[in-house]
PDB file of N, CA and C in Angstrom:
ATOM      1  N   MET A   1     -25.374  23.969 -26.734  1.00  0.00           N
ATOM      2  CA  MET A   1     -24.444  22.872 -26.621  1.00  0.00           C
ATOM      3  C   MET A   1     -25.229  21.598 -26.300  1.00  0.00           C
ATOM      4  N   LYS A   2     -25.015  20.561 -27.077  1.00  0.00           N
ATOM      5  CA  LYS A   2     -25.699  19.291 -26.850  1.00  0.00           C
ATOM      6  C   LYS A   2     -24.953  18.480 -25.804  1.00  0.00           C
ATOM      7  N   ALA A   3     -25.711  17.642 -25.087  1.00  0.00           N
ATOM      8  CA  ALA A   3     -25.103  16.821 -24.039  1.00  0.00           C
ATOM      9  C   ALA A   3     -25.723  15.433 -24.052  1.00  0.00           C
ATOM     10  N   LEU A   4     -24.974  14.482 -23.541  1.00  0.00           N
ATOM     11  CA  LEU A   4     -25.403  13.095 -23.463  1.00  0.00           C
ATOM     12  C   LEU A   4     -25.046  12.579 -22.077  1.00  0.00           C
ATOM     13  N   GLU A   5     -25.984  11.920 -21.415  1.00  0.00           N
ATOM     14  CA  GLU A   5     -25.678  11.291 -20.129  1.00  0.00           C
ATOM     15  C   GLU A   5     -25.323   9.835 -20.380  1.00  0.00           C
ATOM     16  N   VAL A   6     -24.194   9.422 -19.824  1.00  0.00           N
ATOM     17  CA  VAL A   6     -23.677   8.078 -20.031  1.00  0.00           C
ATOM     18  C   VAL A   6     -23.521   7.391 -18.683  1.00  0.00           C
ATOM     19  N   GLU A   7     -24.065   6.185 -18.570  1.00  0.00           N
ATOM     20  CA  GLU A   7     -23.917   5.390 -17.351  1.00  0.00           C
ATOM     21  C   GLU A   7     -22.710   4.470 -17.529  1.00  0.00           C
ATOM     22  N   VAL A   8     -21.831   4.443 -16.532  1.00  0.00           N
ATOM     23  CA  VAL A   8     -20.607   3.649 -16.623  1.00  0.00           C
ATOM     24  C   VAL A   8     -20.470   2.776 -15.383  1.00  0.00           C
ATOM     25  N   TRP A   9     -20.214   1.492 -15.597  1.00  0.00           N
ATOM     26  CA  TRP A   9     -19.894   0.573 -14.510  1.00  0.00           C
ATOM     27  C   TRP A   9     -18.372   0.474 -14.493  1.00  0.00           C
ATOM     28  N   VAL A  10     -17.758   0.829 -13.367  1.00  0.00           N
ATOM     29  CA  VAL A  10     -16.304   0.951 -13.282  1.00  0.00           C
ATOM     30  C   VAL A  10     -15.693  -0.231 -12.538  1.00  0.00           C
ATOM     31  N   HIS A  11     -14.585  -0.721 -13.101  1.00  0.00           N
ATOM     32  CA  HIS A  11     -13.789  -1.776 -12.473  1.00  0.00           C
ATOM     33  C   HIS A  11     -12.441  -1.160 -12.088  1.00  0.00           C
ATOM     34  N   PRO A  12     -12.317  -0.614 -10.873  1.00  0.00           N
ATOM     35  CA  PRO A  12     -11.030  -0.034 -10.464  1.00  0.00           C
ATOM     36  C   PRO A  12     -10.018  -1.134 -10.151  1.00  0.00           C
ATOM     37  N   ARG A  13      -8.761  -0.749 -10.124  1.00  0.00           N
ATOM     38  CA  ARG A  13      -7.652  -1.668  -9.849  1.00  0.00           C
ATOM     39  C   ARG A  13      -7.615  -2.840 -10.831  1.00  0.00           C
ATOM     40  N   ALA A  14      -8.011  -2.588 -12.057  1.00  0.00           N
ATOM     41  CA  ALA A  14      -7.967  -3.614 -13.096  1.00  0.00           C
ATOM     42  C   ALA A  14      -6.551  -3.684 -13.668  1.00  0.00           C
ATOM     43  N   ARG A  15      -6.272  -4.741 -14.370  1.00  0.00           N
ATOM     44  CA  ARG A  15      -4.948  -4.883 -14.976  1.00  0.00           C
ATOM     45  C   ARG A  15      -4.801  -4.051 -16.242  1.00  0.00           C
ATOM     46  N   ARG A  16      -5.929  -3.673 -16.815  1.00  0.00           N
ATOM     47  CA  ARG A  16      -5.888  -2.938 -18.077  1.00  0.00           C
ATOM     48  C   ARG A  16      -6.695  -1.652 -17.970  1.00  0.00           C
ATOM     49  N   GLU A  17      -6.516  -0.798 -18.957  1.00  0.00           N
ATOM     50  CA  GLU A  17      -7.320   0.417 -19.049  1.00  0.00           C
ATOM     51  C   GLU A  17      -8.114   0.307 -20.342  1.00  0.00           C
ATOM     52  N   ALA A  18      -9.438   0.225 -20.208  1.00  0.00           N
ATOM     53  CA  ALA A  18     -10.288   0.039 -21.385  1.00  0.00           C
ATOM     54  C   ALA A  18     -11.675   0.602 -21.127  1.00  0.00           C
ATOM     55  N   LEU A  19     -12.372   0.858 -22.224  1.00  0.00           N
ATOM     56  CA  LEU A  19     -13.743   1.347 -22.172  1.00  0.00           C
ATOM     57  C   LEU A  19     -14.486   0.691 -23.320  1.00  0.00           C
ATOM     58  N   GLN A  20     -15.639   0.099 -23.018  1.00  0.00           N
ATOM     59  CA  GLN A  20     -16.429  -0.522 -24.079  1.00  0.00           C
ATOM     60  C   GLN A  20     -17.904  -0.464 -23.735  1.00  0.00           C
ATOM     61  N   PRO A  21     -18.764  -0.547 -24.756  1.00  0.00           N
ATOM     62  CA  PRO A  21     -20.200  -0.584 -24.483  1.00  0.00           C
ATOM     63  C   PRO A  21     -20.534  -1.804 -23.633  1.00  0.00           C
ATOM     64  N   SER A  22     -21.467  -1.652 -22.732  1.00  0.00           N
ATOM     65  CA  SER A  22     -21.844  -2.736 -21.831  1.00  0.00           C
ATOM     66  C   SER A  22     -22.586  -3.820 -22.587  1.00  0.00           C
ATOM     67  N   GLU A  23     -22.347  -5.062 -22.211  1.00  0.00           N
ATOM     68  CA  GLU A  23     -23.050  -6.190 -22.814  1.00  0.00           C
ATOM     69  C   GLU A  23     -24.350  -6.473 -22.078  1.00  0.00           C
ATOM     70  N   ALA A  24     -24.638  -5.707 -21.042  1.00  0.00           N
ATOM     71  CA  ALA A  24     -25.825  -5.939 -20.221  1.00  0.00           C
ATOM     72  C   ALA A  24     -27.114  -5.599 -20.953  1.00  0.00           C
ATOM     73  N   GLY A  25     -27.030  -4.855 -22.001  1.00  0.00           N
ATOM     74  CA  GLY A  25     -28.243  -4.480 -22.715  1.00  0.00           C
ATOM     75  C   GLY A  25     -27.938  -3.817 -24.037  1.00  0.00           C
ATOM     76  N   GLU A  26     -28.968  -3.416 -24.694  1.00  0.00           N
ATOM     77  CA  GLU A  26     -28.839  -2.784 -25.999  1.00  0.00           C
ATOM     78  C   GLU A  26     -28.687  -1.271 -25.907  1.00  0.00           C
ATOM     79  N   ASN A  27     -28.715  -0.733 -24.701  1.00  0.00           N
ATOM     80  CA  ASN A  27     -28.667   0.711 -24.516  1.00  0.00           C
ATOM     81  C   ASN A  27     -27.274   1.251 -24.852  1.00  0.00           C
ATOM     82  N   PRO A  28     -27.143   2.135 -25.858  1.00  0.00           N
ATOM     83  CA  PRO A  28     -25.828   2.668 -26.217  1.00  0.00           C
ATOM     84  C   PRO A  28     -25.266   3.641 -25.186  1.00  0.00           C
ATOM     85  N   ARG A  29     -26.058   3.993 -24.180  1.00  0.00           N
ATOM     86  CA  ARG A  29     -25.579   4.918 -23.151  1.00  0.00           C
ATOM     87  C   ARG A  29     -25.000   4.184 -21.949  1.00  0.00           C
ATOM     88  N   ARG A  30     -24.897   2.881 -22.014  1.00  0.00           N
ATOM     89  CA  ARG A  30     -24.302   2.101 -20.920  1.00  0.00           C
ATOM     90  C   ARG A  30     -22.939   1.591 -21.354  1.00  0.00           C
ATOM     91  N   TRP A  31     -21.950   1.878 -20.519  1.00  0.00           N
ATOM     92  CA  TRP A  31     -20.576   1.497 -20.818  1.00  0.00           C
ATOM     93  C   TRP A  31     -19.972   0.782 -19.621  1.00  0.00           C
ATOM     94  N   GLU A  32     -18.868   0.097 -19.879  1.00  0.00           N
ATOM     95  CA  GLU A  32     -18.073  -0.512 -18.820  1.00  0.00           C
ATOM     96  C   GLU A  32     -16.654   0.006 -18.972  1.00  0.00           C
ATOM     97  N   ALA A  33     -16.029   0.329 -17.843  1.00  0.00           N
ATOM     98  CA  ALA A  33     -14.671   0.869 -17.874  1.00  0.00           C
ATOM     99  C   ALA A  33     -13.786   0.103 -16.904  1.00  0.00           C
ATOM    100  N   TRP A  34     -12.556  -0.153 -17.338  1.00  0.00           N
ATOM    101  CA  TRP A  34     -11.542  -0.771 -16.496  1.00  0.00           C
ATOM    102  C   TRP A  34     -10.386   0.210 -16.374  1.00  0.00           C
ATOM    103  N   THR A  35      -9.899   0.374 -15.162  1.00  0.00           N
ATOM    104  CA  THR A  35      -8.767   1.270 -14.941  1.00  0.00           C
ATOM    105  C   THR A  35      -7.872   0.692 -13.847  1.00  0.00           C
ATOM    106  N   PRO A  36      -6.572   0.817 -14.010  1.00  0.00           N
ATOM    107  CA  PRO A  36      -5.666   0.352 -12.954  1.00  0.00           C
ATOM    108  C   PRO A  36      -5.645   1.279 -11.740  1.00  0.00           C
ATOM    109  N   GLU A  37      -6.249   2.437 -11.858  1.00  0.00           N
ATOM    110  CA  GLU A  37      -6.265   3.398 -10.748  1.00  0.00           C
ATOM    111  C   GLU A  37      -7.143   2.899  -9.602  1.00  0.00           C
ATOM    112  N   PRO A  38      -6.728   3.151  -8.371  1.00  0.00           N
ATOM    113  CA  PRO A  38      -7.558   2.767  -7.219  1.00  0.00           C
ATOM    114  C   PRO A  38      -8.700   3.765  -7.018  1.00  0.00           C
ATOM    115  N   PRO A  39      -9.755   3.341  -6.330  1.00  0.00           N
ATOM    116  CA  PRO A  39     -10.875   4.254  -6.082  1.00  0.00           C
ATOM    117  C   PRO A  39     -10.606   5.159  -4.886  1.00  0.00           C
ATOM    118  N   HIS A  40      -9.433   5.713  -4.818  1.00  0.00           N
ATOM    119  CA  HIS A  40      -9.008   6.535  -3.691  1.00  0.00           C
ATOM    120  C   HIS A  40      -8.798   7.961  -4.176  1.00  0.00           C
ATOM    121  N   GLU A  41      -9.377   8.928  -3.466  1.00  0.00           N
ATOM    122  CA  GLU A  41      -9.228  10.352  -3.775  1.00  0.00           C
ATOM    123  C   GLU A  41      -9.641  10.689  -5.206  1.00  0.00           C
ATOM    124  N   GLY A  42     -10.622   9.960  -5.746  1.00  0.00           N
ATOM    125  CA  GLY A  42     -11.151  10.265  -7.066  1.00  0.00           C
ATOM    126  C   GLY A  42     -10.263   9.879  -8.232  1.00  0.00           C
ATOM    127  N   ARG A  43      -9.231   9.083  -7.976  1.00  0.00           N
ATOM    128  CA  ARG A  43      -8.302   8.729  -9.054  1.00  0.00           C
ATOM    129  C   ARG A  43      -8.962   7.874 -10.128  1.00  0.00           C
ATOM    130  N   ALA A  44      -9.792   6.910  -9.732  1.00  0.00           N
ATOM    131  CA  ALA A  44     -10.496   6.084 -10.719  1.00  0.00           C
ATOM    132  C   ALA A  44     -11.515   6.924 -11.489  1.00  0.00           C
ATOM    133  N   ASN A  45     -12.203   7.820 -10.804  1.00  0.00           N
ATOM    134  CA  ASN A  45     -13.173   8.700 -11.472  1.00  0.00           C
ATOM    135  C   ASN A  45     -12.494   9.539 -12.550  1.00  0.00           C
ATOM    136  N   GLU A  46     -11.355  10.090 -12.230  1.00  0.00           N
ATOM    137  CA  GLU A  46     -10.627  10.925 -13.186  1.00  0.00           C
ATOM    138  C   GLU A  46     -10.145  10.097 -14.373  1.00  0.00           C
ATOM    139  N   ALA A  47      -9.695   8.877 -14.115  1.00  0.00           N
ATOM    140  CA  ALA A  47      -9.241   8.011 -15.206  1.00  0.00           C
ATOM    141  C   ALA A  47     -10.393   7.679 -16.151  1.00  0.00           C
ATOM    142  N   VAL A  48     -11.562   7.399 -15.602  1.00  0.00           N
ATOM    143  CA  VAL A  48     -12.729   7.092 -16.437  1.00  0.00           C
ATOM    144  C   VAL A  48     -13.170   8.334 -17.208  1.00  0.00           C
ATOM    145  N   ARG A  49     -13.094   9.475 -16.593  1.00  0.00           N
ATOM    146  CA  ARG A  49     -13.437  10.730 -17.273  1.00  0.00           C
ATOM    147  C   ARG A  49     -12.537  10.932 -18.492  1.00  0.00           C
ATOM    148  N   ARG A  50     -11.244  10.667 -18.333  1.00  0.00           N
ATOM    149  CA  ARG A  50     -10.307  10.786 -19.454  1.00  0.00           C
ATOM    150  C   ARG A  50     -10.604   9.757 -20.545  1.00  0.00           C
ATOM    151  N   LEU A  51     -10.954   8.527 -20.134  1.00  0.00           N
ATOM    152  CA  LEU A  51     -11.293   7.487 -21.112  1.00  0.00           C
ATOM    153  C   LEU A  51     -12.521   7.871 -21.936  1.00  0.00           C
ATOM    154  N   LEU A  52     -13.548   8.384 -21.275  1.00  0.00           N
ATOM    155  CA  LEU A  52     -14.753   8.811 -21.990  1.00  0.00           C
ATOM    156  C   LEU A  52     -14.444   9.951 -22.959  1.00  0.00           C
ATOM    157  N   ALA A  53     -13.664  10.904 -22.509  1.00  0.00           N
ATOM    158  CA  ALA A  53     -13.304  12.031 -23.370  1.00  0.00           C
ATOM    159  C   ALA A  53     -12.565  11.537 -24.610  1.00  0.00           C
ATOM    160  N   LYS A  54     -11.646  10.623 -24.421  1.00  0.00           N
ATOM    161  CA  LYS A  54     -10.889  10.076 -25.544  1.00  0.00           C
ATOM    162  C   LYS A  54     -11.810   9.319 -26.498  1.00  0.00           C
ATOM    163  N   ALA A  55     -12.749   8.542 -25.952  1.00  0.00           N
ATOM    164  CA  ALA A  55     -13.677   7.767 -26.781  1.00  0.00           C
ATOM    165  C   ALA A  55     -14.553   8.662 -27.652  1.00  0.00           C
ATOM    166  N   PHE A  56     -14.926   9.824 -27.140  1.00  0.00           N
ATOM    167  CA  PHE A  56     -15.769  10.747 -27.890  1.00  0.00           C
ATOM    168  C   PHE A  56     -14.956  11.792 -28.653  1.00  0.00           C
ATOM    169  N   GLY A  57     -13.631  11.725 -28.561  1.00  0.00           N
ATOM    170  CA  GLY A  57     -12.774  12.665 -29.276  1.00  0.00           C
ATOM    171  C   GLY A  57     -12.846  14.080 -28.738  1.00  0.00           C
ATOM    172  N   LEU A  58     -13.007  14.197 -27.414  1.00  0.00           N
ATOM    173  CA  LEU A  58     -13.153  15.501 -26.771  1.00  0.00           C
ATOM    174  C   LEU A  58     -12.073  15.716 -25.721  1.00  0.00           C
ATOM    175  N   SER A  59     -11.948  16.947 -25.292  1.00  0.00           N
ATOM    176  CA  SER A  59     -11.101  17.269 -24.154  1.00  0.00           C
ATOM    177  C   SER A  59     -11.828  16.827 -22.878  1.00  0.00           C
ATOM    178  N   PRO A  60     -11.108  16.397 -21.846  1.00  0.00           N
ATOM    179  CA  PRO A  60     -11.762  15.996 -20.594  1.00  0.00           C
ATOM    180  C   PRO A  60     -12.598  17.090 -19.937  1.00  0.00           C
ATOM    181  N   VAL A  61     -12.401  18.343 -20.302  1.00  0.00           N
ATOM    182  CA  VAL A  61     -13.210  19.415 -19.704  1.00  0.00           C
ATOM    183  C   VAL A  61     -14.679  19.308 -20.110  1.00  0.00           C
ATOM    184  N   TYR A  62     -14.977  18.563 -21.169  1.00  0.00           N
ATOM    185  CA  TYR A  62     -16.355  18.391 -21.633  1.00  0.00           C
ATOM    186  C   TYR A  62     -17.058  17.194 -20.989  1.00  0.00           C
ATOM    187  N   VAL A  63     -16.381  16.503 -20.089  1.00  0.00           N
ATOM    188  CA  VAL A  63     -16.960  15.332 -19.418  1.00  0.00           C
ATOM    189  C   VAL A  63     -16.994  15.608 -17.924  1.00  0.00           C
ATOM    190  N   GLU A  64     -18.181  15.472 -17.316  1.00  0.00           N
ATOM    191  CA  GLU A  64     -18.286  15.709 -15.872  1.00  0.00           C
ATOM    192  C   GLU A  64     -19.056  14.581 -15.203  1.00  0.00           C
ATOM    193  N   LEU A  65     -18.653  14.268 -13.992  1.00  0.00           N
ATOM    194  CA  LEU A  65     -19.316  13.246 -13.191  1.00  0.00           C
ATOM    195  C   LEU A  65     -20.548  13.858 -12.541  1.00  0.00           C
ATOM    196  N   LEU A  66     -21.714  13.278 -12.822  1.00  0.00           N
ATOM    197  CA  LEU A  66     -22.959  13.782 -12.242  1.00  0.00           C
ATOM    198  C   LEU A  66     -23.336  13.033 -10.971  1.00  0.00           C
ATOM    199  N   ARG A  67     -23.278  11.706 -11.032  1.00  0.00           N
ATOM    200  CA  ARG A  67     -23.689  10.878  -9.893  1.00  0.00           C
ATOM    201  C   ARG A  67     -22.745   9.692  -9.756  1.00  0.00           C
ATOM    202  N   GLY A  68     -22.592   9.221  -8.511  1.00  0.00           N
ATOM    203  CA  GLY A  68     -21.833   8.004  -8.262  1.00  0.00           C
ATOM    204  C   GLY A  68     -20.391   8.210  -7.870  1.00  0.00           C
ATOM    205  N   ARG A  69     -20.109   9.312  -7.206  1.00  0.00           N
ATOM    206  CA  ARG A  69     -18.720   9.605  -6.829  1.00  0.00           C
ATOM    207  C   ARG A  69     -18.066   8.464  -6.064  1.00  0.00           C
ATOM    208  N   THR A  70     -18.826   7.773  -5.184  1.00  0.00           N
ATOM    209  CA  THR A  70     -18.255   6.691  -4.376  1.00  0.00           C
ATOM    210  C   THR A  70     -18.811   5.324  -4.763  1.00  0.00           C
ATOM    211  N   SER A  71     -19.494   5.246  -5.870  1.00  0.00           N
ATOM    212  CA  SER A  71     -20.100   3.995  -6.320  1.00  0.00           C
ATOM    213  C   SER A  71     -19.401   3.507  -7.584  1.00  0.00           C
ATOM    214  N   ARG A  72     -19.517   2.216  -7.871  1.00  0.00           N
ATOM    215  CA  ARG A  72     -18.975   1.713  -9.135  1.00  0.00           C
ATOM    216  C   ARG A  72     -19.868   2.109 -10.307  1.00  0.00           C
ATOM    217  N   ARG A  73     -21.131   2.352 -10.024  1.00  0.00           N
ATOM    218  CA  ARG A  73     -22.082   2.778 -11.063  1.00  0.00           C
ATOM    219  C   ARG A  73     -22.098   4.302 -11.082  1.00  0.00           C
ATOM    220  N   LYS A  74     -21.669   4.872 -12.187  1.00  0.00           N
ATOM    221  CA  LYS A  74     -21.532   6.322 -12.286  1.00  0.00           C
ATOM    222  C   LYS A  74     -22.312   6.848 -13.483  1.00  0.00           C
ATOM    223  N   VAL A  75     -22.683   8.095 -13.410  1.00  0.00           N
ATOM    224  CA  VAL A  75     -23.331   8.766 -14.535  1.00  0.00           C
ATOM    225  C   VAL A  75     -22.503  10.004 -14.864  1.00  0.00           C
ATOM    226  N   PHE A  76     -22.057  10.062 -16.110  1.00  0.00           N
ATOM    227  CA  PHE A  76     -21.275  11.193 -16.600  1.00  0.00           C
ATOM    228  C   PHE A  76     -22.095  11.965 -17.624  1.00  0.00           C
ATOM    229  N   ARG A  77     -21.875  13.268 -17.700  1.00  0.00           N
ATOM    230  CA  ARG A  77     -22.454  14.091 -18.758  1.00  0.00           C
ATOM    231  C   ARG A  77     -21.331  14.421 -19.735  1.00  0.00           C
ATOM    232  N   VAL A  78     -21.570  14.115 -20.996  1.00  0.00           N
ATOM    233  CA  VAL A  78     -20.620  14.438 -22.058  1.00  0.00           C
ATOM    234  C   VAL A  78     -21.234  15.572 -22.866  1.00  0.00           C
ATOM    235  N   ARG A  79     -20.560  16.714 -22.881  1.00  0.00           N
ATOM    236  CA  ARG A  79     -21.049  17.883 -23.626  1.00  0.00           C
ATOM    237  C   ARG A  79     -20.296  17.982 -24.951  1.00  0.00           C
ATOM    238  N   PHE A  80     -21.042  18.292 -25.993  1.00  0.00           N
ATOM    239  CA  PHE A  80     -20.452  18.422 -27.321  1.00  0.00           C
ATOM    240  C   PHE A  80     -20.446  19.892 -27.727  1.00  0.00           C
ATOM    241  N   PRO A  81     -19.262  20.443 -27.980  1.00  0.00           N
ATOM    242  CA  PRO A  81     -19.161  21.871 -28.324  1.00  0.00           C
ATOM    243  C   PRO A  81     -19.751  22.172 -29.700  1.00  0.00           C
TER     244      PRO A  81
END
């Protein structure tokens, strides 16, 4: 099973829910995510996990948070079946 590590900068409590490649650089593994969910009890993390899964056309079970549980800068592993 192939996997990709993706770095995501999260904006919790945003007015919109969106995911896009980061403008900070040319690296395709850097993304920015906006979610209206608060960063309480992992709600924002779960929302970003669902956004990544949708972007890659996968079920959320194939996306896991590796680092950054309490940080805005997170690293997710996306596994491809």
